[in-house]
PDB file of N, CA and C in Angstrom:
ATOM      1  N   MET A   1     -11.685   8.854   6.581  1.00  0.00           N
ATOM      2  CA  MET A   1     -10.765   9.407   5.703  1.00  0.00           C
ATOM      3  C   MET A   1      -9.657   8.932   7.190  1.00  0.00           C
ATOM      4  N   GLY A   2      -8.528   8.219   6.078  1.00  0.00           N
ATOM      5  CA  GLY A   2      -8.131   7.719   7.864  1.00  0.00           C
ATOM      6  C   GLY A   2      -7.034   6.457   7.684  1.00  0.00           C
ATOM      7  N   PHE A   3      -5.976   6.456   8.327  1.00  0.00           N
ATOM      8  CA  PHE A   3      -5.287   5.735   8.178  1.00  0.00           C
ATOM      9  C   PHE A   3      -4.382   5.663   9.762  1.00  0.00           C
ATOM     10  N   GLN A   4      -4.273   4.055  10.185  1.00  0.00           N
ATOM     11  CA  GLN A   4      -3.432   3.918  11.499  1.00  0.00           C
ATOM     12  C   GLN A   4      -2.355   4.216  11.041  1.00  0.00           C
ATOM     13  N   ILE A   5      -1.039   3.960  11.910  1.00  0.00           N
ATOM     14  CA  ILE A   5       0.198   3.655  11.511  1.00  0.00           C
ATOM     15  C   ILE A   5       1.033   3.106  13.102  1.00  0.00           C
ATOM     16  N   GLN A   6       1.447   2.201  12.780  1.00  0.00           N
ATOM     17  CA  GLN A   6       2.234   1.620  13.769  1.00  0.00           C
ATOM     18  C   GLN A   6       3.684   0.988  13.589  1.00  0.00           C
ATOM     19  N   ARG A   7       4.521   0.982  14.229  1.00  0.00           N
ATOM     20  CA  ARG A   7       5.665   0.767  13.831  1.00  0.00           C
ATOM     21  C   ARG A   7       6.311  -0.073  15.234  1.00  0.00           C
ATOM     22  N   SER A   8       6.774  -1.703  14.317  1.00  0.00           N
ATOM     23  CA  SER A   8       7.145  -2.854  15.389  1.00  0.00           C
ATOM     24  C   SER A   8       8.264  -2.293  16.164  1.00  0.00           C
ATOM     25  N   ALA A   9       8.981  -3.085  17.076  1.00  0.00           N
ATOM     26  CA  ALA A   9       9.498  -3.304  17.802  1.00  0.00           C
ATOM     27  C   ALA A   9      11.130  -3.602  16.724  1.00  0.00           C
ATOM     28  N   SER A  10      10.967  -4.190  15.639  1.00  0.00           N
ATOM     29  CA  SER A  10      12.251  -4.568  14.509  1.00  0.00           C
ATOM     30  C   SER A  10      11.853  -3.277  13.325  1.00  0.00           C
ATOM     31  N   ASP A  11      11.004  -2.298  13.861  1.00  0.00           N
ATOM     32  CA  ASP A  11      11.235  -1.482  12.595  1.00  0.00           C
ATOM     33  C   ASP A  11      11.004  -1.533  11.720  1.00  0.00           C
ATOM     34  N   ARG A  12       9.268  -2.722  11.800  1.00  0.00           N
ATOM     35  CA  ARG A  12       8.849  -2.793  10.558  1.00  0.00           C
ATOM     36  C   ARG A  12       7.872  -1.507  10.805  1.00  0.00           C
ATOM     37  N   LEU A  13       6.736  -1.030   9.629  1.00  0.00           N
ATOM     38  CA  LEU A  13       6.298   0.102   9.382  1.00  0.00           C
ATOM     39  C   LEU A  13       4.307  -0.384   9.262  1.00  0.00           C
ATOM     40  N   LEU A  14       3.608  -0.938  10.299  1.00  0.00           N
ATOM     41  CA  LEU A  14       2.146  -1.507   9.659  1.00  0.00           C
ATOM     42  C   LEU A  14       1.415  -0.080   9.494  1.00  0.00           C
ATOM     43  N   ILE A  15       0.678  -0.048   8.609  1.00  0.00           N
ATOM     44  CA  ILE A  15      -0.407   0.742   7.436  1.00  0.00           C
ATOM     45  C   ILE A  15      -1.594   0.093   7.700  1.00  0.00           C
ATOM     46  N   GLU A  16      -2.996   0.724   8.173  1.00  0.00           N
ATOM     47  CA  GLU A  16      -3.806   0.186   8.721  1.00  0.00           C
ATOM     48  C   GLU A  16      -5.201   1.095   7.631  1.00  0.00           C
ATOM     49  N   LEU A  17      -5.175   0.816   6.883  1.00  0.00           N
ATOM     50  CA  LEU A  17      -6.266   1.659   5.798  1.00  0.00           C
ATOM     51  C   LEU A  17      -7.792   1.278   5.909  1.00  0.00           C
ATOM     52  N   GLY A  18      -8.307   2.232   6.093  1.00  0.00           N
ATOM     53  CA  GLY A  18      -9.511   2.138   5.670  1.00  0.00           C
ATOM     54  C   GLY A  18     -10.918   3.227   6.387  1.00  0.00           C
ATOM     55  N   PRO A  19     -12.068   3.458   6.198  1.00  0.00           N
ATOM     56  CA  PRO A  19     -12.979   2.616   5.576  1.00  0.00           C
ATOM     57  C   PRO A  19     -12.905   2.875   4.040  1.00  0.00           C
ATOM     58  N   ALA A  20     -12.286   3.672   3.823  1.00  0.00           N
ATOM     59  CA  ALA A  20     -12.245   3.961   2.207  1.00  0.00           C
ATOM     60  C   ALA A  20     -10.850   4.392   1.787  1.00  0.00           C
ATOM     61  N   PHE A  21     -10.180   4.149   0.597  1.00  0.00           N
ATOM     62  CA  PHE A  21      -9.089   4.112  -0.037  1.00  0.00           C
ATOM     63  C   PHE A  21      -9.524   5.194  -0.969  1.00  0.00           C
ATOM     64  N   GLY A  22      -9.471   6.633  -0.918  1.00  0.00           N
ATOM     65  CA  GLY A  22      -9.179   7.288  -2.058  1.00  0.00           C
ATOM     66  C   GLY A  22      -8.362   8.175  -2.401  1.00  0.00           C
ATOM     67  N   VAL A  23      -8.312   9.088  -3.650  1.00  0.00           N
ATOM     68  CA  VAL A  23      -6.922  10.613  -3.825  1.00  0.00           C
ATOM     69  C   VAL A  23      -6.421  10.738  -2.193  1.00  0.00           C
ATOM     70  N   GLU A  24      -7.373  11.069  -1.570  1.00  0.00           N
ATOM     71  CA  GLU A  24      -6.851  11.705  -0.788  1.00  0.00           C
ATOM     72  C   GLU A  24      -5.721  10.784   0.180  1.00  0.00           C
ATOM     73  N   GLU A  25      -6.307   9.415   1.123  1.00  0.00           N
ATOM     74  CA  GLU A  25      -5.356   8.734   1.448  1.00  0.00           C
ATOM     75  C   GLU A  25      -4.375   8.180   1.001  1.00  0.00           C
ATOM     76  N   ALA A  26      -4.259   8.261  -0.917  1.00  0.00           N
ATOM     77  CA  ALA A  26      -3.411   7.723  -1.212  1.00  0.00           C
ATOM     78  C   ALA A  26      -1.888   9.420  -1.522  1.00  0.00           C
ATOM     79  N   ARG A  27      -2.910  10.174  -1.192  1.00  0.00           N
ATOM     80  CA  ARG A  27      -1.789  11.239  -1.586  1.00  0.00           C
ATOM     81  C   ARG A  27      -0.819  10.973  -0.074  1.00  0.00           C
ATOM     82  N   ARG A  28      -2.093  11.236   1.009  1.00  0.00           N
ATOM     83  CA  ARG A  28      -1.176  11.402   2.066  1.00  0.00           C
ATOM     84  C   ARG A  28      -0.607   9.691   2.808  1.00  0.00           C
ATOM     85  N   LEU A  29      -1.012   8.702   1.877  1.00  0.00           N
ATOM     86  CA  LEU A  29       0.074   7.585   2.159  1.00  0.00           C
ATOM     87  C   LEU A  29       1.665   7.675   0.953  1.00  0.00           C
ATOM     88  N   HIS A  30       0.922   8.369   0.224  1.00  0.00           N
ATOM     89  CA  HIS A  30       2.031   8.661  -0.720  1.00  0.00           C
ATOM     90  C   HIS A  30       2.730   9.515  -0.157  1.00  0.00           C
ATOM     91  N   GLU A  31       2.677  10.360   1.036  1.00  0.00           N
ATOM     92  CA  GLU A  31       3.989  11.039   1.591  1.00  0.00           C
ATOM     93  C   GLU A  31       4.543  10.639   2.395  1.00  0.00           C
ATOM     94  N   LEU A  32       3.973   9.989   3.422  1.00  0.00           N
ATOM     95  CA  LEU A  32       4.424   8.910   3.896  1.00  0.00           C
ATOM     96  C   LEU A  32       5.195   8.547   3.938  1.00  0.00           C
ATOM     97  N   LEU A  33       5.561   7.370   2.715  1.00  0.00           N
ATOM     98  CA  LEU A  33       6.712   6.380   1.654  1.00  0.00           C
ATOM     99  C   LEU A  33       7.156   6.979   1.405  1.00  0.00           C
ATOM    100  N   ALA A  34       7.262   8.700   1.105  1.00  0.00           N
ATOM    101  CA  ALA A  34       8.569   9.291   0.564  1.00  0.00           C
ATOM    102  C   ALA A  34       9.163   9.539   1.861  1.00  0.00           C
ATOM    103  N   LYS A  35       9.035   9.450   3.030  1.00  0.00           N
ATOM    104  CA  LYS A  35       9.704   9.562   4.481  1.00  0.00           C
ATOM    105  C   LYS A  35      10.079   8.579   5.226  1.00  0.00           C
ATOM    106  N   VAL A  36       9.999   6.858   4.282  1.00  0.00           N
ATOM    107  CA  VAL A  36      10.809   5.884   5.160  1.00  0.00           C
ATOM    108  C   VAL A  36      12.154   5.951   4.981  1.00  0.00           C
ATOM    109  N   VAL A  37      12.745   5.184   5.777  1.00  0.00           N
ATOM    110  CA  VAL A  37      14.346   4.638   5.269  1.00  0.00           C
ATOM    111  C   VAL A  37      14.134   3.504   3.736  1.00  0.00           C
ATOM    112  N   PRO A  38      15.387   3.785   2.838  1.00  0.00           N
ATOM    113  CA  PRO A  38      15.522   3.158   1.629  1.00  0.00           C
ATOM    114  C   PRO A  38      15.494   2.037   2.542  1.00  0.00           C
ATOM    115  N   GLY A  39      14.645   0.952   2.069  1.00  0.00           N
ATOM    116  CA  GLY A  39      15.123  -0.495   2.365  1.00  0.00           C
ATOM    117  C   GLY A  39      14.273  -1.064   3.019  1.00  0.00           C
ATOM    118  N   ALA A  40      13.164   0.246   3.675  1.00  0.00           N
ATOM    119  CA  ALA A  40      12.602  -0.426   4.881  1.00  0.00           C
ATOM    120  C   ALA A  40      11.470  -1.251   4.624  1.00  0.00           C
ATOM    121  N   PHE A  41      10.979  -1.803   5.551  1.00  0.00           N
ATOM    122  CA  PHE A  41       9.442  -3.238   5.412  1.00  0.00           C
ATOM    123  C   PHE A  41       8.581  -2.483   5.905  1.00  0.00           C
ATOM    124  N   VAL A  42       7.419  -2.390   4.419  1.00  0.00           N
ATOM    125  CA  VAL A  42       5.764  -1.482   4.879  1.00  0.00           C
ATOM    126  C   VAL A  42       4.624  -2.670   4.875  1.00  0.00           C
ATOM    127  N   GLU A  43       3.997  -2.816   5.880  1.00  0.00           N
ATOM    128  CA  GLU A  43       2.835  -3.719   5.357  1.00  0.00           C
ATOM    129  C   GLU A  43       1.567  -2.229   5.322  1.00  0.00           C
ATOM    130  N   ILE A  44       0.797  -2.999   4.294  1.00  0.00           N
ATOM    131  CA  ILE A  44      -0.002  -2.026   4.045  1.00  0.00           C
ATOM    132  C   ILE A  44      -1.858  -2.239   4.200  1.00  0.00           C
ATOM    133  N   ASP A  45      -2.245  -2.754   5.318  1.00  0.00           N
ATOM    134  CA  ASP A  45      -2.932  -3.430   5.673  1.00  0.00           C
ATOM    135  C   ASP A  45      -4.743  -2.714   5.009  1.00  0.00           C
ATOM    136  N   PHE A  46      -5.220  -3.736   3.746  1.00  0.00           N
ATOM    137  CA  PHE A  46      -6.903  -3.164   3.275  1.00  0.00           C
ATOM    138  C   PHE A  46      -7.915  -3.605   3.813  1.00  0.00           C
ATOM    139  N   TYR A  47      -7.437  -4.482   4.954  1.00  0.00           N
ATOM    140  CA  TYR A  47      -8.783  -5.434   5.768  1.00  0.00           C
ATOM    141  C   TYR A  47      -9.969  -4.135   5.520  1.00  0.00           C
ATOM    142  N   GLY A  48      -9.671  -3.428   6.290  1.00  0.00           N
ATOM    143  CA  GLY A  48     -10.923  -2.341   6.865  1.00  0.00           C
ATOM    144  C   GLY A  48     -11.383  -1.907   5.647  1.00  0.00           C
ATOM    145  N   VAL A  49     -10.941  -1.807   4.484  1.00  0.00           N
ATOM    146  CA  VAL A  49     -11.057  -0.980   3.086  1.00  0.00           C
ATOM    147  C   VAL A  49     -12.729  -1.533   2.214  1.00  0.00           C
ATOM    148  N   LEU A  50     -13.659  -0.625   2.239  1.00  0.00           N
ATOM    149  CA  LEU A  50     -14.832  -1.302   1.801  1.00  0.00           C
ATOM    150  C   LEU A  50     -15.227  -0.116   0.474  1.00  0.00           C
ATOM    151  N   GLU A  51     -14.426   0.795   0.356  1.00  0.00           N
ATOM    152  CA  GLU A  51     -14.160   1.468  -0.818  1.00  0.00           C
ATOM    153  C   GLU A  51     -12.787   2.410  -1.578  1.00  0.00           C
ATOM    154  N   CYS A  52     -12.732   1.548  -2.797  1.00  0.00           N
ATOM    155  CA  CYS A  52     -11.491   1.868  -2.992  1.00  0.00           C
ATOM    156  C   CYS A  52     -11.239   2.369  -4.554  1.00  0.00           C
ATOM    157  N   GLN A  53     -10.960   3.489  -4.944  1.00  0.00           N
ATOM    158  CA  GLN A  53     -10.845   4.375  -6.171  1.00  0.00           C
ATOM    159  C   GLN A  53      -9.639   3.789  -6.673  1.00  0.00           C
ATOM    160  N   ALA A  54      -9.978   3.794  -8.086  1.00  0.00           N
ATOM    161  CA  ALA A  54      -8.856   3.004  -8.533  1.00  0.00           C
ATOM    162  C   ALA A  54      -7.784   4.181  -9.422  1.00  0.00           C
ATOM    163  N   THR A  55      -8.124   5.451  -8.872  1.00  0.00           N
ATOM    164  CA  THR A  55      -7.144   6.602  -9.207  1.00  0.00           C
ATOM    165  C   THR A  55      -6.145   6.636  -7.882  1.00  0.00           C
ATOM    166  N   ALA A  56      -6.404   5.761  -6.032  1.00  0.00           N
ATOM    167  CA  ALA A  56      -5.931   6.231  -5.900  1.00  0.00           C
ATOM    168  C   ALA A  56      -4.882   4.557  -6.039  1.00  0.00           C
ATOM    169  N   LEU A  57      -4.973   3.498  -6.633  1.00  0.00           N
ATOM    170  CA  LEU A  57      -4.639   2.649  -6.618  1.00  0.00           C
ATOM    171  C   LEU A  57      -3.513   2.662  -7.742  1.00  0.00           C
ATOM    172  N   GLY A  58      -3.670   3.577  -8.519  1.00  0.00           N
ATOM    173  CA  GLY A  58      -2.880   3.736  -9.377  1.00  0.00           C
ATOM    174  C   GLY A  58      -1.773   4.567  -8.590  1.00  0.00           C
ATOM    175  N   GLN A  59      -1.966   5.469  -7.584  1.00  0.00           N
ATOM    176  CA  GLN A  59      -0.333   6.343  -7.366  1.00  0.00           C
ATOM    177  C   GLN A  59      -0.079   5.370  -6.191  1.00  0.00           C
ATOM    178  N   LEU A  60      -1.042   4.714  -5.938  1.00  0.00           N
ATOM    179  CA  LEU A  60      -0.324   3.601  -5.250  1.00  0.00           C
ATOM    180  C   LEU A  60       0.958   2.073  -5.943  1.00  0.00           C
ATOM    181  N   ALA A  61       0.550   2.105  -7.152  1.00  0.00           N
ATOM    182  CA  ALA A  61       0.886   1.243  -8.050  1.00  0.00           C
ATOM    183  C   ALA A  61       2.267   2.073  -8.713  1.00  0.00           C
ATOM    184  N   ARG A  62       2.682   3.819  -8.586  1.00  0.00           N
ATOM    185  CA  ARG A  62       3.669   4.485  -8.629  1.00  0.00           C
ATOM    186  C   ARG A  62       4.543   4.237  -6.840  1.00  0.00           C
ATOM    187  N   ASP A  63       4.042   4.033  -6.054  1.00  0.00           N
ATOM    188  CA  ASP A  63       4.656   4.001  -4.836  1.00  0.00           C
ATOM    189  C   ASP A  63       4.977   2.583  -4.784  1.00  0.00           C
ATOM    190  N   LEU A  64       4.568   1.777  -4.942  1.00  0.00           N
ATOM    191  CA  LEU A  64       5.269   0.451  -5.424  1.00  0.00           C
ATOM    192  C   LEU A  64       6.529   0.118  -6.211  1.00  0.00           C
ATOM    193  N   ALA A  65       6.313   0.964  -7.279  1.00  0.00           N
ATOM    194  CA  ALA A  65       7.051   1.202  -8.534  1.00  0.00           C
ATOM    195  C   ALA A  65       8.471   1.526  -8.492  1.00  0.00           C
ATOM    196  N   SER A  66       8.370   2.709  -7.060  1.00  0.00           N
ATOM    197  CA  SER A  66       9.720   3.149  -6.993  1.00  0.00           C
ATOM    198  C   SER A  66      10.843   2.798  -6.056  1.00  0.00           C
ATOM    199  N   GLY A  67      10.244   2.067  -5.343  1.00  0.00           N
ATOM    200  CA  GLY A  67      10.921   0.563  -5.137  1.00  0.00           C
ATOM    201  C   GLY A  67      12.035   1.063  -3.656  1.00  0.00           C
ATOM    202  N   ARG A  68      11.277   2.099  -3.120  1.00  0.00           N
ATOM    203  CA  ARG A  68      12.058   3.154  -2.408  1.00  0.00           C
ATOM    204  C   ARG A  68      12.132   1.694  -0.527  1.00  0.00           C
ATOM    205  N   ALA A  69      10.679   1.260  -0.228  1.00  0.00           N
ATOM    206  CA  ALA A  69      10.097   0.841   0.484  1.00  0.00           C
ATOM    207  C   ALA A  69       9.766  -0.605  -0.171  1.00  0.00           C
ATOM    208  N   ARG A  70      10.331  -2.411   1.047  1.00  0.00           N
ATOM    209  CA  ARG A  70       9.993  -3.079   0.711  1.00  0.00           C
ATOM    210  C   ARG A  70       7.832  -3.370   1.392  1.00  0.00           C
ATOM    211  N   ILE A  71       7.688  -3.528   0.392  1.00  0.00           N
ATOM    212  CA  ILE A  71       5.942  -3.092   0.480  1.00  0.00           C
ATOM    213  C   ILE A  71       5.332  -3.901   0.182  1.00  0.00           C
ATOM    214  N   ALA A  72       4.651  -4.314   1.230  1.00  0.00           N
ATOM    215  CA  ALA A  72       3.447  -5.689   1.218  1.00  0.00           C
ATOM    216  C   ALA A  72       2.050  -5.866   1.308  1.00  0.00           C
ATOM    217  N   LEU A  73       0.835  -6.145   0.386  1.00  0.00           N
ATOM    218  CA  LEU A  73      -0.121  -5.554   1.069  1.00  0.00           C
ATOM    219  C   LEU A  73      -0.775  -6.734   1.305  1.00  0.00           C
ATOM    220  N   ARG A  74      -1.662  -6.238   1.901  1.00  0.00           N
ATOM    221  CA  ARG A  74      -2.655  -7.550   2.335  1.00  0.00           C
ATOM    222  C   ARG A  74      -4.153  -7.276   2.849  1.00  0.00           C
ATOM    223  N   GLY A  75      -5.175  -7.974   2.248  1.00  0.00           N
ATOM    224  CA  GLY A  75      -6.697  -7.359   2.493  1.00  0.00           C
ATOM    225  C   GLY A  75      -6.652  -6.948   1.631  1.00  0.00           C
ATOM    226  N   LEU A  76      -6.138  -7.347   0.285  1.00  0.00           N
ATOM    227  CA  LEU A  76      -7.023  -6.436  -1.342  1.00  0.00           C
ATOM    228  C   LEU A  76      -8.240  -7.447  -1.333  1.00  0.00           C
ATOM    229  N   ARG A  77      -9.018  -7.096  -2.496  1.00  0.00           N
ATOM    230  CA  ARG A  77     -10.016  -7.846  -2.527  1.00  0.00           C
ATOM    231  C   ARG A  77      -9.759  -8.059  -4.448  1.00  0.00           C
ATOM    232  N   TRP A  78     -10.235  -9.071  -4.710  1.00  0.00           N
ATOM    233  CA  TRP A  78      -9.798  -9.760  -6.166  1.00  0.00           C
ATOM    234  C   TRP A  78      -9.677  -7.866  -7.694  1.00  0.00           C
ATOM    235  N   PRO A  79     -10.503  -8.074  -7.190  1.00  0.00           N
ATOM    236  CA  PRO A  79     -10.612  -6.663  -8.231  1.00  0.00           C
ATOM    237  C   PRO A  79      -9.776  -5.787  -8.410  1.00  0.00           C
ATOM    238  N   GLU A  80      -9.319  -5.072  -6.877  1.00  0.00           N
ATOM    239  CA  GLU A  80      -8.042  -4.153  -6.719  1.00  0.00           C
ATOM    240  C   GLU A  80      -7.356  -4.763  -6.957  1.00  0.00           C
ATOM    241  N   GLN A  81      -6.508  -6.465  -6.501  1.00  0.00           N
ATOM    242  CA  GLN A  81      -5.420  -6.813  -7.354  1.00  0.00           C
ATOM    243  C   GLN A  81      -5.400  -6.786  -8.629  1.00  0.00           C
ATOM    244  N   ARG A  82      -6.104  -7.226  -9.192  1.00  0.00           N
ATOM    245  CA  ARG A  82      -6.457  -6.862 -11.194  1.00  0.00           C
ATOM    246  C   ARG A  82      -5.819  -6.133 -11.230  1.00  0.00           C
ATOM    247  N   LEU A  83      -6.811  -4.923 -10.696  1.00  0.00           N
ATOM    248  CA  LEU A  83      -6.250  -3.744 -10.822  1.00  0.00           C
ATOM    249  C   LEU A  83      -4.514  -3.214 -11.280  1.00  0.00           C
ATOM    250  N   LEU A  84      -3.984  -3.286  -9.716  1.00  0.00           N
ATOM    251  CA  LEU A  84      -2.732  -3.426  -9.789  1.00  0.00           C
ATOM    252  C   LEU A  84      -2.231  -3.979 -10.922  1.00  0.00           C
ATOM    253  N   GLY A  85      -2.449  -5.714 -10.823  1.00  0.00           N
ATOM    254  CA  GLY A  85      -1.872  -6.576 -12.302  1.00  0.00           C
ATOM    255  C   GLY A  85      -1.935  -5.251 -13.185  1.00  0.00           C
ATOM    256  N   TYR A  86      -2.993  -5.311 -13.863  1.00  0.00           N
ATOM    257  CA  TYR A  86      -3.009  -4.510 -15.251  1.00  0.00           C
ATOM    258  C   TYR A  86      -1.981  -2.545 -14.968  1.00  0.00           C
ATOM    259  N   LEU A  87      -1.245  -2.721 -13.788  1.00  0.00           N
ATOM    260  CA  LEU A  87      -1.092  -1.408 -14.175  1.00  0.00           C
ATOM    261  C   LEU A  87       0.747  -1.945 -13.347  1.00  0.00           C
ATOM    262  N   GLY A  88       0.768  -2.751 -13.689  1.00  0.00           N
ATOM    263  CA  GLY A  88       2.284  -2.895 -13.378  1.00  0.00           C
ATOM    264  C   GLY A  88       2.911  -4.342 -11.926  1.00  0.00           C
ATOM    265  N   VAL A  89       2.136  -4.545 -10.988  1.00  0.00           N
ATOM    266  CA  VAL A  89       2.477  -4.676  -9.936  1.00  0.00           C
ATOM    267  C   VAL A  89       2.404  -5.987 -10.089  1.00  0.00           C
ATOM    268  N   PRO A  90       3.297  -6.888  -9.061  1.00  0.00           N
ATOM    269  CA  PRO A  90       3.887  -7.958  -9.554  1.00  0.00           C
ATOM    270  C   PRO A  90       3.124  -8.486  -8.421  1.00  0.00           C
ATOM    271  N   LEU A  91       1.906  -9.854  -8.725  1.00  0.00           N
ATOM    272  CA  LEU A  91       0.397 -10.305  -8.123  1.00  0.00           C
ATOM    273  C   LEU A  91       1.127 -10.740  -6.781  1.00  0.00           C
ATOM    274  N   ASP A  92       2.465 -11.204  -6.366  1.00  0.00           N
ATOM    275  CA  ASP A  92       2.966 -11.422  -5.192  1.00  0.00           C
ATOM    276  C   ASP A  92       2.813 -10.030  -4.166  1.00  0.00           C
ATOM    277  N   VAL A  93       2.766  -9.324  -4.826  1.00  0.00           N
ATOM    278  CA  VAL A  93       3.325  -8.059  -4.013  1.00  0.00           C
ATOM    279  C   VAL A  93       1.292  -8.122  -3.608  1.00  0.00           C
ATOM    280  N   ALA A  94       1.144  -7.578  -4.626  1.00  0.00           N
ATOM    281  CA  ALA A  94      -0.597  -7.875  -4.361  1.00  0.00           C
ATOM    282  C   ALA A  94      -1.558  -8.559  -3.346  1.00  0.00           C
ATOM    283  N   GLU A  95      -0.483  -9.664  -3.242  1.00  0.00           N
ATOM    284  CA  GLU A  95      -0.958 -10.655  -2.466  1.00  0.00           C
ATOM    285  C   GLU A  95      -0.379 -11.018  -0.788  1.00  0.00           C
ATOM    286  N   GLY A  96       0.419  -9.891  -0.846  1.00  0.00           N
ATOM    287  CA  GLY A  96       1.444  -9.743   0.694  1.00  0.00           C
ATOM    288  C   GLY A  96       2.672  -9.908   0.947  1.00  0.00           C
ATOM    289  N   HIS A  97       3.228 -10.378  -0.365  1.00  0.00           N
ATOM    290  CA  HIS A  97       4.785 -10.208   0.243  1.00  0.00           C
ATOM    291  C   HIS A  97       5.610  -9.291  -0.578  1.00  0.00           C
ATOM    292  N   ALA A  98       6.318  -9.224   0.374  1.00  0.00           N
ATOM    293  CA  ALA A  98       6.995  -7.851   0.288  1.00  0.00           C
ATOM    294  C   ALA A  98       8.159  -7.942  -1.510  1.00  0.00           C
ATOM    295  N   ARG A  99       8.690  -7.101  -1.535  1.00  0.00           N
ATOM    296  CA  ARG A  99       8.992  -6.774  -3.055  1.00  0.00           C
ATOM    297  C   ARG A  99      10.938  -6.935  -2.482  1.00  0.00           C
ATOM    298  N   ALA A 100      11.464  -7.692  -3.089  1.00  0.00           N
ATOM    299  CA  ALA A 100      13.265  -7.630  -2.579  1.00  0.00           C
ATOM    300  C   ALA A 100      13.656  -6.170  -3.477  1.00  0.00           C
TER     301      ALA A 100
END
């Protein structure tokens, strides 16, 4: 269980997830995203994730839909991208392009 958080000089936030993204990680990520400044750019890196639970992706989809931050997802495998698409997340976000 865990993720690393890095903040760049331009105030972008990078969150590196791994090795699992489950309900607890989704809850912690949700709490973190609720605290970011509205409109902030957040990049969530899934490259280190080996196991991803559908319920955790459901919470992430709700966070993406909230529109609080501009979020880009990186390193998602095709099954996770497809599930997020079913949950209404635009494919360009799942491919790493931040929402406007």
